């Protein structure tokens, strides 16, 4: 599974060597290898890989050059570049505090590098290298991480024609069935009788009805962790229509929903002792005669009225109703994830998950967990001084901030209005997409912030 195998007598060693220690490592090798590498060493950089010959010229080992601070991704692309042999890791050339921890990271990266989204393409069938599990690695944790990441990537990569609200609900119910949870949904006009008016308004113009998906897992007496994920399966922008370039990646506008499903998969696989709830407001922001309009004033589950300044600011509307529901049972931790604003991408780029928190301790815990997990997160200001940008004379709040500035912060401030206890709340504004190919992280859907969050949740709730 994931090009990882239990054992092989024929496994070729992969000597993982830091670029700064390459010359010293060569001095300890037999003359054949020293001579083989002598004319190449000056051109070797981190990421280089070279088959090393035996006396008869056949490959007997691999030299994998990594950075001087190796991480999860150091050998993540190696399996597709090597002949289809079994391999095993040799980390003896690395000077690191914990070889076992690094081995686990490297194996995880190797496995993540096996991901392919080929549902709509003819599979190549090309055999790849396989890696023997190193001793001391927590195999269950690696598999949980890889399965969760693949789930997120595949959900996001699947185009909206096959990943509408109904299909997203099916994926959520499959997770509930696998882990013994319960699943409930409120669909279509039942959203109005169930008092989810903003979810209904955003999705009512689409052929595939909007819905609120509600999953629960675990003992009700355990600490309550609730995850909320934006599930806008395609976003045209509504009547404030996006240009064609703006719709190109809108299959990923349900990236928050995909990521909370992956995060739930991790939490459940690792048996973190929490009562877990997952809420996904799902729909498609489509254009039709019954689409909600700029200037409409919507009721909300919270009781606040919301003037629509822009129909393309729809994610915060569906999240508002879901966050209100989440707060009704007073969870110990409430986390929402959403592909919410372009402003967050302007602020931190496409490869960092922006996040907001009112509580400094909670923010610090997530930042530290992200650093340890190699999952980049960055705190942006939940600045109350910008709340006035959401004011309107016609309703309690406008869904789009006035002016051109602080768009990610004003979106977070909008969400805060629907959170019962902001000191127990984290909001992540994520890209959910790799815009370039990197080892282990192919272009396409990505589980941004997931590894940081699962590490933080484990730290908080595992005694």
Protein backbone atom coordinates (compact mmCIF):
# COMPACT_ATOMS: atom_id res chain seq x y z
CA UNK A 1 0.00 0.00 0.00
CA UNK A 2 1.32 3.45 -1.01
CA UNK A 3 4.49 1.73 -2.29
CA UNK A 4 5.39 0.68 1.26
CA UNK A 5 6.22 -2.96 1.99
CA UNK A 6 6.98 -4.93 5.13
CA UNK A 7 10.27 -6.51 4.13
CA UNK A 8 12.45 -7.57 1.22
CA UNK A 9 15.74 -9.42 1.16
CA UNK A 10 16.57 -7.68 -2.12
CA UNK A 11 15.99 -4.12 -0.93
CA UNK A 12 18.63 -1.67 -2.11
CA UNK A 13 19.77 0.85 0.52
CA UNK A 14 18.92 4.50 -0.04
CA UNK A 15 21.74 6.47 1.56
CA UNK A 16 20.18 9.77 2.62
CA UNK A 17 22.99 12.31 2.80
CA UNK A 18 22.80 16.06 3.53
CA UNK A 19 24.29 18.24 0.84
CA UNK A 20 26.65 19.80 3.36
CA UNK A 21 27.99 16.41 4.41
CA UNK A 22 28.35 14.89 0.97
CA UNK A 23 32.12 15.23 0.69
CA UNK A 24 32.70 13.69 4.13
CA UNK A 25 30.32 10.83 3.32
CA UNK A 26 32.17 10.10 0.09
CA UNK A 27 35.47 9.79 1.94
CA UNK A 28 34.06 6.85 3.88
CA UNK A 29 33.00 4.91 0.78
CA UNK A 30 34.81 2.34 -1.29
CA UNK A 31 37.01 3.60 -4.16
CA UNK A 32 34.47 2.51 -6.76
CA UNK A 33 31.80 4.87 -5.40
CA UNK A 34 34.27 7.67 -4.71
CA UNK A 35 35.49 7.51 -8.29
CA UNK A 36 31.93 7.25 -9.60
CA UNK A 37 30.89 10.38 -7.73
CA UNK A 38 34.08 12.41 -8.08
CA UNK A 39 33.03 14.19 -11.27
CA UNK A 40 29.45 14.66 -10.11
CA UNK A 41 29.65 15.87 -6.54
CA UNK A 42 30.16 19.54 -7.37
CA UNK A 43 26.91 19.58 -9.32
CA UNK A 44 24.79 17.80 -6.72
CA UNK A 45 22.10 19.76 -4.94
CA UNK A 46 19.35 18.80 -2.52
CA UNK A 47 16.90 16.61 -4.40
CA UNK A 48 19.52 14.86 -6.50
CA UNK A 49 19.39 11.07 -6.66
CA UNK A 50 21.91 8.72 -8.22
CA UNK A 51 22.08 4.95 -8.58
CA UNK A 52 25.38 3.59 -7.24
CA UNK A 53 26.95 0.62 -9.09
CA UNK A 54 28.43 -2.57 -7.82
CA UNK A 55 31.62 -4.18 -9.14
CA UNK A 56 29.76 -5.57 -12.14
CA UNK A 57 28.08 -2.26 -12.92
CA UNK A 58 24.59 -3.24 -11.74
CA UNK A 59 22.87 -0.88 -9.29
CA UNK A 60 23.46 -1.78 -5.66
CA UNK A 61 22.39 1.36 -3.79
CA UNK A 62 20.99 4.87 -4.16
CA UNK A 63 22.46 8.16 -3.06
CA UNK A 64 19.69 10.62 -2.17
CA UNK A 65 20.96 14.13 -1.47
CA UNK A 66 18.79 16.19 0.86
CA UNK A 67 18.97 19.59 2.46
CA UNK A 68 20.92 20.09 5.64
CA UNK A 69 17.62 20.26 7.54
CA UNK A 70 15.74 17.27 6.06
CA UNK A 71 11.98 17.14 6.39
CA UNK A 72 8.91 15.20 5.27
CA UNK A 73 9.35 16.17 1.65
CA UNK A 74 13.07 15.41 1.24
CA UNK A 75 12.56 12.11 -0.60
CA UNK A 76 8.85 12.50 -1.42
CA UNK A 77 9.34 12.35 -5.18
CA UNK A 78 11.96 9.63 -5.19
CA UNK A 79 9.80 6.56 -5.83
CA UNK A 80 8.79 7.73 -9.31
CA UNK A 81 12.41 8.39 -10.29
CA UNK A 82 13.87 5.06 -9.27
CA UNK A 83 13.71 1.67 -11.00
CA UNK A 84 10.93 -0.57 -9.73
CA UNK A 85 12.98 -2.25 -7.02
CA UNK A 86 12.43 -2.51 -3.26
CA UNK A 87 14.46 -0.03 -1.22
CA UNK A 88 15.30 0.63 2.41
CA UNK A 89 16.45 3.80 4.16
CA UNK A 90 19.94 4.40 5.52
CA UNK A 91 19.94 7.57 7.64
CA UNK A 92 23.34 7.06 9.27
CA UNK A 93 24.84 10.07 7.48
CA UNK A 94 22.30 12.44 9.04
CA UNK A 95 23.00 14.29 12.25
CA UNK A 96 19.52 14.86 13.64
CA UNK A 97 18.11 14.73 17.18
CA UNK A 98 15.70 11.88 16.48
CA UNK A 99 16.32 9.46 13.64
CA UNK A 100 13.07 7.59 14.32
CA UNK A 101 10.97 10.75 14.04
CA UNK A 102 12.72 11.73 10.82
CA UNK A 103 12.26 8.22 9.41
CA UNK A 104 8.54 8.53 10.09
CA UNK A 105 8.41 11.89 8.32
CA UNK A 106 10.36 10.58 5.33
CA UNK A 107 8.15 7.51 4.99
CA UNK A 108 5.05 9.72 5.19
CA UNK A 109 6.42 11.96 2.47
CA UNK A 110 7.31 8.97 0.32
CA UNK A 111 3.75 7.66 0.63
CA UNK A 112 2.20 11.05 -0.06
CA UNK A 113 4.31 11.18 -3.19
CA UNK A 114 2.44 8.17 -4.57
CA UNK A 115 -0.79 10.16 -5.01
CA UNK A 116 -2.23 10.24 -8.51
CA UNK A 117 -5.61 11.62 -9.57
CA UNK A 118 -6.33 9.58 -12.68
CA UNK A 119 -10.11 9.12 -12.54
CA UNK A 120 -10.47 10.82 -15.91
CA UNK A 121 -7.19 9.67 -17.47
CA UNK A 122 -5.82 6.39 -18.67
CA UNK A 123 -3.57 5.11 -15.92
CA UNK A 124 0.06 4.71 -16.96
CA UNK A 125 0.58 1.50 -15.03
CA UNK A 126 4.29 2.30 -14.75
CA UNK A 127 5.82 0.35 -11.85
CA UNK A 128 7.52 2.38 -9.13
CA UNK A 129 10.04 1.83 -6.40
CA UNK A 130 8.82 0.38 -3.10
CA UNK A 131 10.13 1.31 0.33
CA UNK A 132 10.53 -1.10 3.23
CA UNK A 133 8.99 0.19 6.44
CA UNK A 134 11.83 1.29 8.74
CA UNK A 135 11.79 -0.17 12.23
CA UNK A 136 10.24 1.99 14.94
CA UNK A 137 7.85 3.81 12.61
CA UNK A 138 4.22 4.14 13.71
CA UNK A 139 2.70 2.55 10.63
CA UNK A 140 -0.89 3.19 11.69
CA UNK A 141 -0.23 6.92 12.05
CA UNK A 142 1.45 7.13 8.66
CA UNK A 143 -1.42 5.28 6.97
CA UNK A 144 -3.98 7.50 8.71
CA UNK A 145 -2.22 10.64 7.53
CA UNK A 146 -1.87 9.40 3.98
CA UNK A 147 -5.45 8.13 3.72
CA UNK A 148 -6.79 11.41 5.08
CA UNK A 149 -4.68 13.48 2.70
CA UNK A 150 -5.65 11.38 -0.31
CA UNK A 151 -9.31 11.72 0.67
CA UNK A 152 -9.03 15.51 0.78
CA UNK A 153 -7.11 15.75 -2.48
CA UNK A 154 -9.49 13.50 -4.37
CA UNK A 155 -12.64 15.24 -3.13
CA UNK A 156 -11.23 18.61 -4.21
CA UNK A 157 -9.84 17.39 -7.53
CA UNK A 158 -13.14 15.83 -8.58
CA UNK A 159 -14.95 18.35 -10.81
CA UNK A 160 -18.30 19.73 -9.74
CA UNK A 161 -20.14 17.60 -12.29
CA UNK A 162 -19.32 14.62 -10.05
CA UNK A 163 -18.85 16.39 -6.71
CA UNK A 164 -22.02 18.36 -6.10
CA UNK A 165 -23.83 18.56 -2.75
CA UNK A 166 -25.33 15.07 -3.13
CA UNK A 167 -21.93 13.49 -3.85
CA UNK A 168 -20.28 15.43 -1.03
CA UNK A 169 -22.93 14.16 1.35
CA UNK A 170 -22.27 10.60 0.15
CA UNK A 171 -18.57 11.02 0.95
CA UNK A 172 -19.44 12.32 4.41
CA UNK A 173 -21.83 9.43 5.06
CA UNK A 174 -19.16 6.95 3.94
CA UNK A 175 -16.84 8.39 6.60
CA UNK A 176 -19.57 8.10 9.22
CA UNK A 177 -20.21 4.48 8.26
CA UNK A 178 -16.54 3.57 8.36
CA UNK A 179 -15.98 5.01 11.82
CA UNK A 180 -19.33 4.17 13.40
CA UNK A 181 -20.72 7.69 13.49
CA UNK A 182 -24.19 9.02 12.85
CA UNK A 183 -25.13 11.12 9.82
CA UNK A 184 -28.03 13.48 9.37
CA UNK A 185 -28.80 16.02 6.67
CA UNK A 186 -31.30 18.82 6.11
CA UNK A 187 -31.94 19.24 2.38
CA UNK A 188 -33.61 21.77 0.10
CA UNK A 189 -36.65 23.60 1.42
CA UNK A 190 -36.33 21.73 4.70
CA UNK A 191 -33.50 24.17 5.39
CA UNK A 192 -36.15 26.87 5.75
CA UNK A 193 -38.28 24.92 8.20
CA UNK A 194 -35.10 23.88 10.02
CA UNK A 195 -34.01 27.52 10.31
CA UNK A 196 -30.97 27.53 8.04
CA UNK A 197 -32.08 30.39 5.77
CA UNK A 198 -28.66 31.54 4.58
CA UNK A 199 -27.60 28.05 3.47
CA UNK A 200 -30.85 27.80 1.56
CA UNK A 201 -30.49 31.21 -0.08
CA UNK A 202 -26.98 30.53 -1.36
CA UNK A 203 -27.79 27.13 -2.88
CA UNK A 204 -31.42 27.41 -3.95
CA UNK A 205 -30.66 28.35 -7.59
CA UNK A 206 -28.79 25.10 -8.28
CA UNK A 207 -30.30 21.88 -9.61
CA UNK A 208 -28.57 19.89 -6.85
CA UNK A 209 -30.29 21.05 -3.66
CA UNK A 210 -28.32 22.72 -0.86
CA UNK A 211 -28.02 20.91 2.45
CA UNK A 212 -26.54 20.87 5.91
CA UNK A 213 -24.60 17.67 6.59
CA UNK A 214 -24.21 16.78 10.27
CA UNK A 215 -21.94 13.94 11.48
CA UNK A 216 -21.26 12.91 15.08
CA UNK A 217 -18.78 10.42 16.53
CA UNK A 218 -17.86 9.24 19.99
CA UNK A 219 -19.06 9.37 23.57
CA UNK A 220 -21.14 12.45 24.41
CA UNK A 221 -19.33 12.74 27.76
CA UNK A 222 -15.96 13.38 26.13
CA UNK A 223 -14.70 16.91 25.33
CA UNK A 224 -16.59 18.30 22.37
CA UNK A 225 -14.69 19.23 19.21
CA UNK A 226 -16.74 20.59 16.32
CA UNK A 227 -15.41 21.05 12.79
CA UNK A 228 -17.23 23.20 10.25
CA UNK A 229 -16.23 23.13 6.57
CA UNK A 230 -17.40 25.34 3.74
CA UNK A 231 -18.96 23.05 1.13
CA UNK A 232 -19.66 25.31 -1.84
CA UNK A 233 -19.22 22.72 -4.55
CA UNK A 234 -18.97 25.30 -7.30
CA UNK A 235 -19.00 29.07 -7.06
CA UNK A 236 -20.02 31.11 -10.08
CA UNK A 237 -20.11 34.19 -7.89
CA UNK A 238 -23.89 34.22 -8.26
CA UNK A 239 -25.42 37.31 -9.83
CA UNK A 240 -22.15 39.12 -9.04
CA UNK A 241 -20.72 36.77 -11.62
CA UNK A 242 -17.04 35.88 -11.61
CA UNK A 243 -15.06 36.24 -14.86
CA UNK A 244 -14.07 33.01 -16.56
CA UNK A 245 -10.59 33.14 -15.02
CA UNK A 246 -12.15 33.43 -11.57
CA UNK A 247 -14.20 30.26 -12.07
CA UNK A 248 -11.34 28.11 -13.32
CA UNK A 249 -10.54 26.59 -9.93
CA UNK A 250 -13.96 26.84 -8.32
CA UNK A 251 -14.22 23.07 -7.98
CA UNK A 252 -12.00 23.71 -4.94
CA UNK A 253 -14.50 26.00 -3.19
CA UNK A 254 -15.55 22.97 -1.14
CA UNK A 255 -11.95 22.58 0.03
CA UNK A 256 -12.92 23.46 3.60
CA UNK A 257 -15.49 20.66 3.65
CA UNK A 258 -12.99 18.21 2.17
CA UNK A 259 -10.38 19.19 4.74
CA UNK A 260 -12.67 18.75 7.75
CA UNK A 261 -13.55 15.28 6.46
CA UNK A 262 -9.84 14.49 6.20
CA UNK A 263 -9.22 15.96 9.65
CA UNK A 264 -12.07 13.88 11.06
CA UNK A 265 -10.54 10.80 9.42
CA UNK A 266 -7.26 11.53 11.21
CA UNK A 267 -8.84 12.20 14.59
CA UNK A 268 -10.92 9.02 14.40
CA UNK A 269 -8.10 6.84 13.07
CA UNK A 270 -5.85 7.97 15.91
CA UNK A 271 -8.63 7.50 18.49
CA UNK A 272 -8.22 10.98 19.94
CA UNK A 273 -10.52 10.98 23.00
CA UNK A 274 -13.07 13.57 21.90
CA UNK A 275 -16.71 13.66 20.94
CA UNK A 276 -16.39 14.82 17.35
CA UNK A 277 -18.99 16.67 15.32
CA UNK A 278 -18.61 17.65 11.66
CA UNK A 279 -20.90 20.22 10.06
CA UNK A 280 -20.82 20.89 6.32
CA UNK A 281 -23.10 23.48 4.73
CA UNK A 282 -23.11 22.28 1.12
CA UNK A 283 -24.50 23.86 -2.01
CA UNK A 284 -23.68 25.44 -5.34
CA UNK A 285 -23.69 29.21 -5.82
CA UNK A 286 -25.44 29.16 -9.19
CA UNK A 287 -27.21 31.68 -11.43
CA UNK A 288 -30.94 31.31 -12.09
CA UNK A 289 -34.15 33.29 -11.76
CA UNK A 290 -34.45 32.41 -8.09
CA UNK A 291 -30.85 33.25 -7.16
CA UNK A 292 -30.34 35.57 -4.21
CA UNK A 293 -29.51 39.14 -5.23
CA UNK A 294 -27.22 42.00 -4.22
CA UNK A 295 -29.23 44.16 -1.85
CA UNK A 296 -31.36 41.29 -0.53
CA UNK A 297 -31.61 41.13 3.25
CA UNK A 298 -31.47 37.59 4.58
CA UNK A 299 -32.53 36.27 7.95
CA UNK A 300 -30.10 33.93 9.70
CA UNK A 301 -30.25 31.17 12.27
CA UNK A 302 -28.54 33.54 14.70
CA UNK A 303 -31.40 36.04 14.37
CA UNK A 304 -29.20 38.67 12.71
CA UNK A 305 -30.29 40.14 9.40
CA UNK A 306 -27.65 40.18 6.67
CA UNK A 307 -27.62 42.57 3.73
CA UNK A 308 -26.04 41.10 0.62
CA UNK A 309 -23.34 43.46 -0.52
CA UNK A 310 -21.94 40.86 -2.89
CA UNK A 311 -23.31 37.45 -3.87
CA UNK A 312 -19.74 36.25 -4.36
CA UNK A 313 -19.20 36.52 -0.60
CA UNK A 314 -21.41 33.47 -0.15
CA UNK A 315 -19.13 31.21 1.87
CA UNK A 316 -19.44 33.29 5.01
CA UNK A 317 -23.24 33.09 4.71
CA UNK A 318 -23.43 29.30 4.74
CA UNK A 319 -20.80 29.15 7.47
CA UNK A 320 -22.79 31.64 9.56
CA UNK A 321 -25.77 29.31 9.90
CA UNK A 322 -23.53 26.28 10.55
CA UNK A 323 -21.43 28.10 13.16
CA UNK A 324 -24.59 29.17 14.95
CA UNK A 325 -25.75 25.56 15.10
CA UNK A 326 -22.33 24.48 16.36
CA UNK A 327 -22.45 26.98 19.21
CA UNK A 328 -25.79 25.74 20.45
CA UNK A 329 -24.09 22.84 22.23
CA UNK A 330 -21.13 24.88 23.54
CA UNK A 331 -18.19 22.84 22.15
CA UNK A 332 -14.82 22.92 23.89
CA UNK A 333 -13.20 23.70 20.54
CA UNK A 334 -14.79 25.00 17.35
CA UNK A 335 -12.76 25.04 14.13
CA UNK A 336 -13.94 26.18 10.71
CA UNK A 337 -12.05 25.82 7.45
CA UNK A 338 -12.94 27.59 4.25
CA UNK A 339 -11.58 28.76 0.93
CA UNK A 340 -12.99 32.11 1.93
CA UNK A 341 -11.06 35.10 0.56
CA UNK A 342 -8.59 36.07 -2.10
CA UNK A 343 -7.34 38.62 0.43
CA UNK A 344 -5.83 35.83 2.54
CA UNK A 345 -3.91 34.61 -0.50
CA UNK A 346 -2.62 38.13 -1.13
CA UNK A 347 -1.49 38.29 2.50
CA UNK A 348 0.24 34.93 2.90
CA UNK A 349 0.38 33.43 -0.60
CA UNK A 350 -1.00 30.13 -1.78
CA UNK A 351 1.14 27.76 0.32
CA UNK A 352 0.34 28.95 3.84
CA UNK A 353 -2.96 28.56 5.69
CA UNK A 354 -4.03 31.89 7.17
CA UNK A 355 -5.84 31.62 10.48
CA UNK A 356 -7.66 33.81 12.96
CA UNK A 357 -8.19 33.42 16.69
CA UNK A 358 -9.23 35.73 19.48
CA UNK A 359 -7.51 33.70 22.18
CA UNK A 360 -3.73 34.14 22.11
CA UNK A 361 -3.09 30.78 23.77
CA UNK A 362 -5.14 28.92 21.18
CA UNK A 363 -3.39 30.78 18.38
CA UNK A 364 0.02 29.95 19.85
CA UNK A 365 -0.88 26.28 20.18
CA UNK A 366 -1.86 26.07 16.51
CA UNK A 367 1.23 27.94 15.33
CA UNK A 368 3.53 25.65 17.33
CA UNK A 369 1.70 22.54 16.15
CA UNK A 370 2.04 23.70 12.55
CA UNK A 371 5.77 24.21 13.00
CA UNK A 372 6.23 20.74 14.46
CA UNK A 373 4.06 19.12 11.79
CA UNK A 374 5.72 20.94 8.89
CA UNK A 375 2.33 22.42 7.96
CA UNK A 376 2.64 26.16 7.48
CA UNK A 377 0.01 28.33 9.20
CA UNK A 378 0.12 32.07 9.85
CA UNK A 379 -2.03 34.19 12.14
CA UNK A 380 -3.76 37.24 10.70
CA UNK A 381 -5.42 39.95 12.83
CA UNK A 382 -8.97 39.58 14.04
CA UNK A 383 -8.98 43.35 14.48
CA UNK A 384 -12.21 44.61 16.05
CA UNK A 385 -11.46 48.09 14.77
CA UNK A 386 -12.45 46.91 11.29
CA UNK A 387 -15.92 45.76 12.36
CA UNK A 388 -17.38 49.07 11.17
CA UNK A 389 -16.58 48.03 7.60
CA UNK A 390 -19.47 45.56 7.83
CA UNK A 391 -22.00 48.15 8.98
CA UNK A 392 -25.07 48.95 6.89
CA UNK A 393 -28.06 51.23 7.61
CA UNK A 394 -30.47 48.57 6.35
CA UNK A 395 -29.61 45.40 8.33
CA UNK A 396 -27.63 44.15 11.30
CA UNK A 397 -24.58 43.40 9.15
CA UNK A 398 -23.41 43.39 5.52
CA UNK A 399 -21.79 40.27 4.11
CA UNK A 400 -19.12 42.23 2.21
CA UNK A 401 -16.76 44.69 3.84
CA UNK A 402 -16.65 48.22 2.50
CA UNK A 403 -13.46 49.34 0.77
CA UNK A 404 -10.57 47.36 -0.70
CA UNK A 405 -8.59 46.56 2.42
CA UNK A 406 -8.45 43.87 5.15
CA UNK A 407 -10.75 41.51 3.26
CA UNK A 408 -9.64 38.40 5.14
CA UNK A 409 -10.04 40.13 8.51
CA UNK A 410 -13.49 41.50 7.75
CA UNK A 411 -14.60 38.05 6.57
CA UNK A 412 -13.37 36.59 9.86
CA UNK A 413 -15.14 39.35 11.79
CA UNK A 414 -18.35 38.50 9.95
CA UNK A 415 -18.02 34.86 11.03
CA UNK A 416 -17.29 35.87 14.63
CA UNK A 417 -20.77 37.39 14.83
CA UNK A 418 -22.16 33.84 14.56
CA UNK A 419 -19.79 32.18 17.06
CA UNK A 420 -21.12 31.71 20.58
CA UNK A 421 -17.71 31.67 22.30
CA UNK A 422 -14.95 33.22 20.15
CA UNK A 423 -12.28 32.31 22.70
CA UNK A 424 -12.74 28.64 21.76
CA UNK A 425 -12.83 29.24 18.02
CA UNK A 426 -10.32 28.99 15.19
CA UNK A 427 -11.00 30.10 11.62
CA UNK A 428 -8.69 28.92 8.84
CA UNK A 429 -8.82 30.66 5.45
CA UNK A 430 -7.10 28.20 3.12
CA UNK A 431 -6.16 27.85 -0.53
CA UNK A 432 -6.81 24.06 -0.57
CA UNK A 433 -4.86 23.82 -3.82
CA UNK A 434 -1.26 23.35 -4.89
CA UNK A 435 -0.64 25.78 -7.70
CA UNK A 436 2.68 24.14 -8.62
CA UNK A 437 4.15 20.66 -8.57
CA UNK A 438 6.48 19.87 -5.69
CA UNK A 439 7.73 16.51 -4.41
CA UNK A 440 4.82 14.82 -2.65
CA UNK A 441 2.50 17.75 -3.41
CA UNK A 442 1.24 17.57 -6.99
CA UNK A 443 -0.67 20.42 -8.55
CA UNK A 444 -4.29 20.18 -7.46
CA UNK A 445 -6.29 19.80 -4.26
CA UNK A 446 -4.41 19.87 -0.97
CA UNK A 447 -5.14 19.35 2.74
CA UNK A 448 -3.80 22.64 4.04
CA UNK A 449 -3.74 23.09 7.82
CA UNK A 450 -4.89 19.53 8.50
CA UNK A 451 -1.64 18.20 9.96
CA UNK A 452 -1.27 21.28 12.17
CA UNK A 453 -4.82 20.94 13.48
CA UNK A 454 -4.65 17.24 14.28
CA UNK A 455 -1.39 17.78 16.17
CA UNK A 456 -2.94 20.66 18.15
CA UNK A 457 -6.11 18.69 18.92
CA UNK A 458 -4.06 15.71 20.10
CA UNK A 459 -1.98 17.97 22.34
CA UNK A 460 -5.11 19.51 23.89
CA UNK A 461 -7.24 16.45 24.44
CA UNK A 462 -4.88 13.50 24.90
CA UNK A 463 -3.80 13.20 28.51
